[in-house]
Amino acid sequence: MSESISRALYGVPPQPHPIPLYAATLHSAVARNDAAELDSLICQAEAYLEKYGDLPTLIEQLKTEIAKLER
């Protein structure tokens, strides 16, 4: 994704995550009974949502922008 598209959608370029917020990460922390890691993941997820807001809407905007580029 070009920086101009990400900047238009998010207002800032996307930032890398120290720990990906994927199901595998969550399942692994649950399997290890790692409450500290789960708390950390919750904080990261909440911060991401606070920063970027409504993810389903952003995804739809991104799909629209991709469709425009593919024409």
N, C-alpha and C. Protein backbone atom coordinates (compact mmCIF):
# COMPACT_ATOMS: atom_id res chain seq x y z
N MET A 1 0.86 -1.17 0.00
CA MET A 1 0.00 0.00 0.00
C MET A 1 0.90 1.22 0.00
N SER A 2 0.56 2.18 -0.83
CA SER A 2 1.37 3.38 -0.89
C SER A 2 1.16 4.21 0.36
N GLU A 3 2.15 5.03 0.66
CA GLU A 3 2.05 5.87 1.86
C GLU A 3 0.90 6.87 1.73
N SER A 4 0.63 7.34 0.49
CA SER A 4 -0.45 8.32 0.33
C SER A 4 -1.80 7.70 0.66
N ILE A 5 -2.00 6.43 0.30
CA ILE A 5 -3.27 5.76 0.64
C ILE A 5 -3.35 5.55 2.14
N SER A 6 -2.29 5.03 2.75
CA SER A 6 -2.35 4.80 4.19
C SER A 6 -2.52 6.10 4.95
N ARG A 7 -1.88 7.16 4.48
CA ARG A 7 -2.01 8.45 5.15
C ARG A 7 -3.44 8.97 5.02
N ALA A 8 -4.06 8.77 3.84
CA ALA A 8 -5.44 9.23 3.65
C ALA A 8 -6.40 8.46 4.53
N LEU A 9 -6.18 7.16 4.69
CA LEU A 9 -7.08 6.34 5.49
C LEU A 9 -6.85 6.51 6.98
N TYR A 10 -5.62 6.61 7.39
CA TYR A 10 -5.30 6.60 8.82
C TYR A 10 -4.86 7.95 9.36
N GLY A 11 -4.45 8.85 8.51
CA GLY A 11 -3.94 10.13 8.96
C GLY A 11 -2.45 10.08 9.27
N VAL A 12 -1.91 8.90 9.47
CA VAL A 12 -0.48 8.70 9.73
C VAL A 12 -0.08 7.39 9.06
N PRO A 13 1.20 7.23 8.74
CA PRO A 13 1.63 5.94 8.19
C PRO A 13 1.44 4.84 9.23
N PRO A 14 1.11 3.62 8.81
CA PRO A 14 0.95 2.54 9.77
C PRO A 14 2.26 2.28 10.53
N GLN A 15 2.13 1.94 11.79
CA GLN A 15 3.29 1.67 12.63
C GLN A 15 3.38 0.16 12.90
N PRO A 16 4.59 -0.38 12.95
CA PRO A 16 4.72 -1.81 13.24
C PRO A 16 4.31 -2.12 14.67
N HIS A 17 3.78 -3.31 14.88
CA HIS A 17 3.40 -3.76 16.21
C HIS A 17 4.52 -4.60 16.79
N PRO A 18 4.83 -4.41 18.06
CA PRO A 18 5.86 -5.25 18.68
C PRO A 18 5.42 -6.72 18.75
N ILE A 19 4.12 -6.96 18.97
CA ILE A 19 3.57 -8.31 19.00
C ILE A 19 2.33 -8.30 18.12
N PRO A 20 2.30 -9.12 17.06
CA PRO A 20 1.11 -9.11 16.20
C PRO A 20 -0.14 -9.50 16.99
N LEU A 21 -1.23 -8.80 16.72
CA LEU A 21 -2.50 -9.08 17.40
C LEU A 21 -3.29 -10.11 16.60
N TYR A 22 -2.70 -11.29 16.41
CA TYR A 22 -3.33 -12.36 15.67
C TYR A 22 -3.88 -13.40 16.64
N ALA A 23 -4.80 -14.19 16.16
CA ALA A 23 -5.40 -15.23 16.99
C ALA A 23 -4.33 -16.17 17.56
N ALA A 24 -3.30 -16.48 16.77
CA ALA A 24 -2.26 -17.39 17.24
C ALA A 24 -1.55 -16.85 18.48
N THR A 25 -1.30 -15.55 18.49
CA THR A 25 -0.67 -14.92 19.65
C THR A 25 -1.57 -15.03 20.87
N LEU A 26 -2.86 -14.79 20.68
CA LEU A 26 -3.81 -14.87 21.79
C LEU A 26 -3.94 -16.30 22.29
N HIS A 27 -4.08 -17.25 21.37
CA HIS A 27 -4.22 -18.65 21.76
C HIS A 27 -2.98 -19.15 22.49
N SER A 28 -1.82 -18.71 22.03
CA SER A 28 -0.57 -19.12 22.69
C SER A 28 -0.52 -18.60 24.12
N ALA A 29 -0.90 -17.35 24.34
CA ALA A 29 -0.90 -16.78 25.69
C ALA A 29 -1.91 -17.49 26.58
N VAL A 30 -3.07 -17.82 26.02
CA VAL A 30 -4.09 -18.55 26.79
C VAL A 30 -3.56 -19.94 27.15
N ALA A 31 -2.96 -20.62 26.19
CA ALA A 31 -2.45 -21.97 26.43
C ALA A 31 -1.38 -21.98 27.52
N ARG A 32 -0.60 -20.91 27.61
CA ARG A 32 0.45 -20.81 28.64
C ARG A 32 -0.08 -20.23 29.94
N ASN A 33 -1.36 -19.87 29.98
CA ASN A 33 -1.94 -19.20 31.16
C ASN A 33 -1.14 -17.96 31.52
N ASP A 34 -0.76 -17.20 30.50
CA ASP A 34 0.08 -16.02 30.69
C ASP A 34 -0.80 -14.77 30.79
N ALA A 35 -1.26 -14.50 32.00
CA ALA A 35 -2.15 -13.36 32.23
C ALA A 35 -1.47 -12.03 31.89
N ALA A 36 -0.19 -11.92 32.17
CA ALA A 36 0.53 -10.68 31.88
C ALA A 36 0.55 -10.40 30.38
N GLU A 37 0.80 -11.44 29.57
CA GLU A 37 0.82 -11.24 28.13
C GLU A 37 -0.59 -10.92 27.61
N LEU A 38 -1.60 -11.59 28.15
CA LEU A 38 -2.98 -11.30 27.75
C LEU A 38 -3.36 -9.86 28.09
N ASP A 39 -2.97 -9.39 29.27
CA ASP A 39 -3.22 -8.00 29.64
C ASP A 39 -2.52 -7.04 28.68
N SER A 40 -1.28 -7.39 28.32
CA SER A 40 -0.53 -6.57 27.37
C SER A 40 -1.22 -6.54 26.01
N LEU A 41 -1.69 -7.68 25.55
CA LEU A 41 -2.37 -7.76 24.26
C LEU A 41 -3.67 -6.95 24.27
N ILE A 42 -4.39 -7.00 25.38
CA ILE A 42 -5.61 -6.21 25.51
C ILE A 42 -5.28 -4.72 25.42
N CYS A 43 -4.25 -4.30 26.12
CA CYS A 43 -3.85 -2.90 26.08
C CYS A 43 -3.45 -2.47 24.67
N GLN A 44 -2.71 -3.34 23.97
CA GLN A 44 -2.31 -3.03 22.60
C GLN A 44 -3.52 -2.93 21.68
N ALA A 45 -4.46 -3.87 21.82
CA ALA A 45 -5.66 -3.87 20.98
C ALA A 45 -6.50 -2.62 21.25
N GLU A 46 -6.65 -2.26 22.52
CA GLU A 46 -7.42 -1.07 22.86
C GLU A 46 -6.75 0.20 22.33
N ALA A 47 -5.42 0.26 22.43
CA ALA A 47 -4.69 1.42 21.92
C ALA A 47 -4.84 1.52 20.40
N TYR A 48 -4.78 0.37 19.72
CA TYR A 48 -4.94 0.36 18.28
C TYR A 48 -6.33 0.86 17.89
N LEU A 49 -7.36 0.34 18.57
CA LEU A 49 -8.72 0.77 18.27
C LEU A 49 -8.91 2.25 18.57
N GLU A 50 -8.30 2.73 19.64
CA GLU A 50 -8.41 4.15 19.99
C GLU A 50 -7.74 5.02 18.93
N LYS A 51 -6.63 4.53 18.41
CA LYS A 51 -5.87 5.30 17.42
C LYS A 51 -6.54 5.26 16.04
N TYR A 52 -7.01 4.08 15.63
CA TYR A 52 -7.51 3.91 14.26
C TYR A 52 -9.03 3.81 14.17
N GLY A 53 -9.71 3.64 15.27
CA GLY A 53 -11.17 3.67 15.27
C GLY A 53 -11.84 2.44 14.69
N ASP A 54 -12.84 2.69 13.89
CA ASP A 54 -13.72 1.67 13.35
C ASP A 54 -13.01 0.88 12.25
N LEU A 55 -12.43 -0.26 12.60
CA LEU A 55 -11.67 -1.05 11.64
C LEU A 55 -12.49 -1.57 10.47
N PRO A 56 -13.72 -2.05 10.66
CA PRO A 56 -14.49 -2.50 9.50
C PRO A 56 -14.70 -1.40 8.46
N THR A 57 -14.93 -0.17 8.91
CA THR A 57 -15.09 0.94 7.97
C THR A 57 -13.77 1.23 7.26
N LEU A 58 -12.66 1.20 7.99
CA LEU A 58 -11.36 1.42 7.36
C LEU A 58 -11.06 0.34 6.33
N ILE A 59 -11.42 -0.90 6.61
CA ILE A 59 -11.20 -1.99 5.66
C ILE A 59 -12.00 -1.74 4.38
N GLU A 60 -13.24 -1.32 4.51
CA GLU A 60 -14.07 -1.04 3.34
C GLU A 60 -13.49 0.13 2.54
N GLN A 61 -12.99 1.15 3.22
CA GLN A 61 -12.35 2.27 2.53
C GLN A 61 -11.13 1.80 1.77
N LEU A 62 -10.35 0.93 2.40
CA LEU A 62 -9.16 0.39 1.75
C LEU A 62 -9.53 -0.42 0.51
N LYS A 63 -10.56 -1.26 0.62
CA LYS A 63 -11.01 -2.03 -0.53
C LYS A 63 -11.45 -1.12 -1.68
N THR A 64 -12.12 -0.03 -1.34
CA THR A 64 -12.55 0.93 -2.36
C THR A 64 -11.34 1.56 -3.06
N GLU A 65 -10.35 1.95 -2.27
CA GLU A 65 -9.14 2.55 -2.84
C GLU A 65 -8.39 1.54 -3.72
N ILE A 66 -8.32 0.29 -3.29
CA ILE A 66 -7.65 -0.75 -4.09
C ILE A 66 -8.40 -0.95 -5.41
N ALA A 67 -9.72 -1.00 -5.34
CA ALA A 67 -10.52 -1.18 -6.55
C ALA A 67 -10.28 -0.03 -7.53
N LYS A 68 -10.15 1.20 -7.03
CA LYS A 68 -9.88 2.34 -7.90
C LYS A 68 -8.53 2.18 -8.59
N LEU A 69 -7.54 1.70 -7.85
CA LEU A 69 -6.20 1.52 -8.42
C LEU A 69 -6.15 0.41 -9.45
N GLU A 70 -7.00 -0.58 -9.30
CA GLU A 70 -6.99 -1.73 -10.20
C GLU A 70 -7.74 -1.48 -11.50
N ARG A 71 -8.42 -0.37 -11.62
CA ARG A 71 -9.17 -0.08 -12.85
C ARG A 71 -8.26 0.29 -13.97
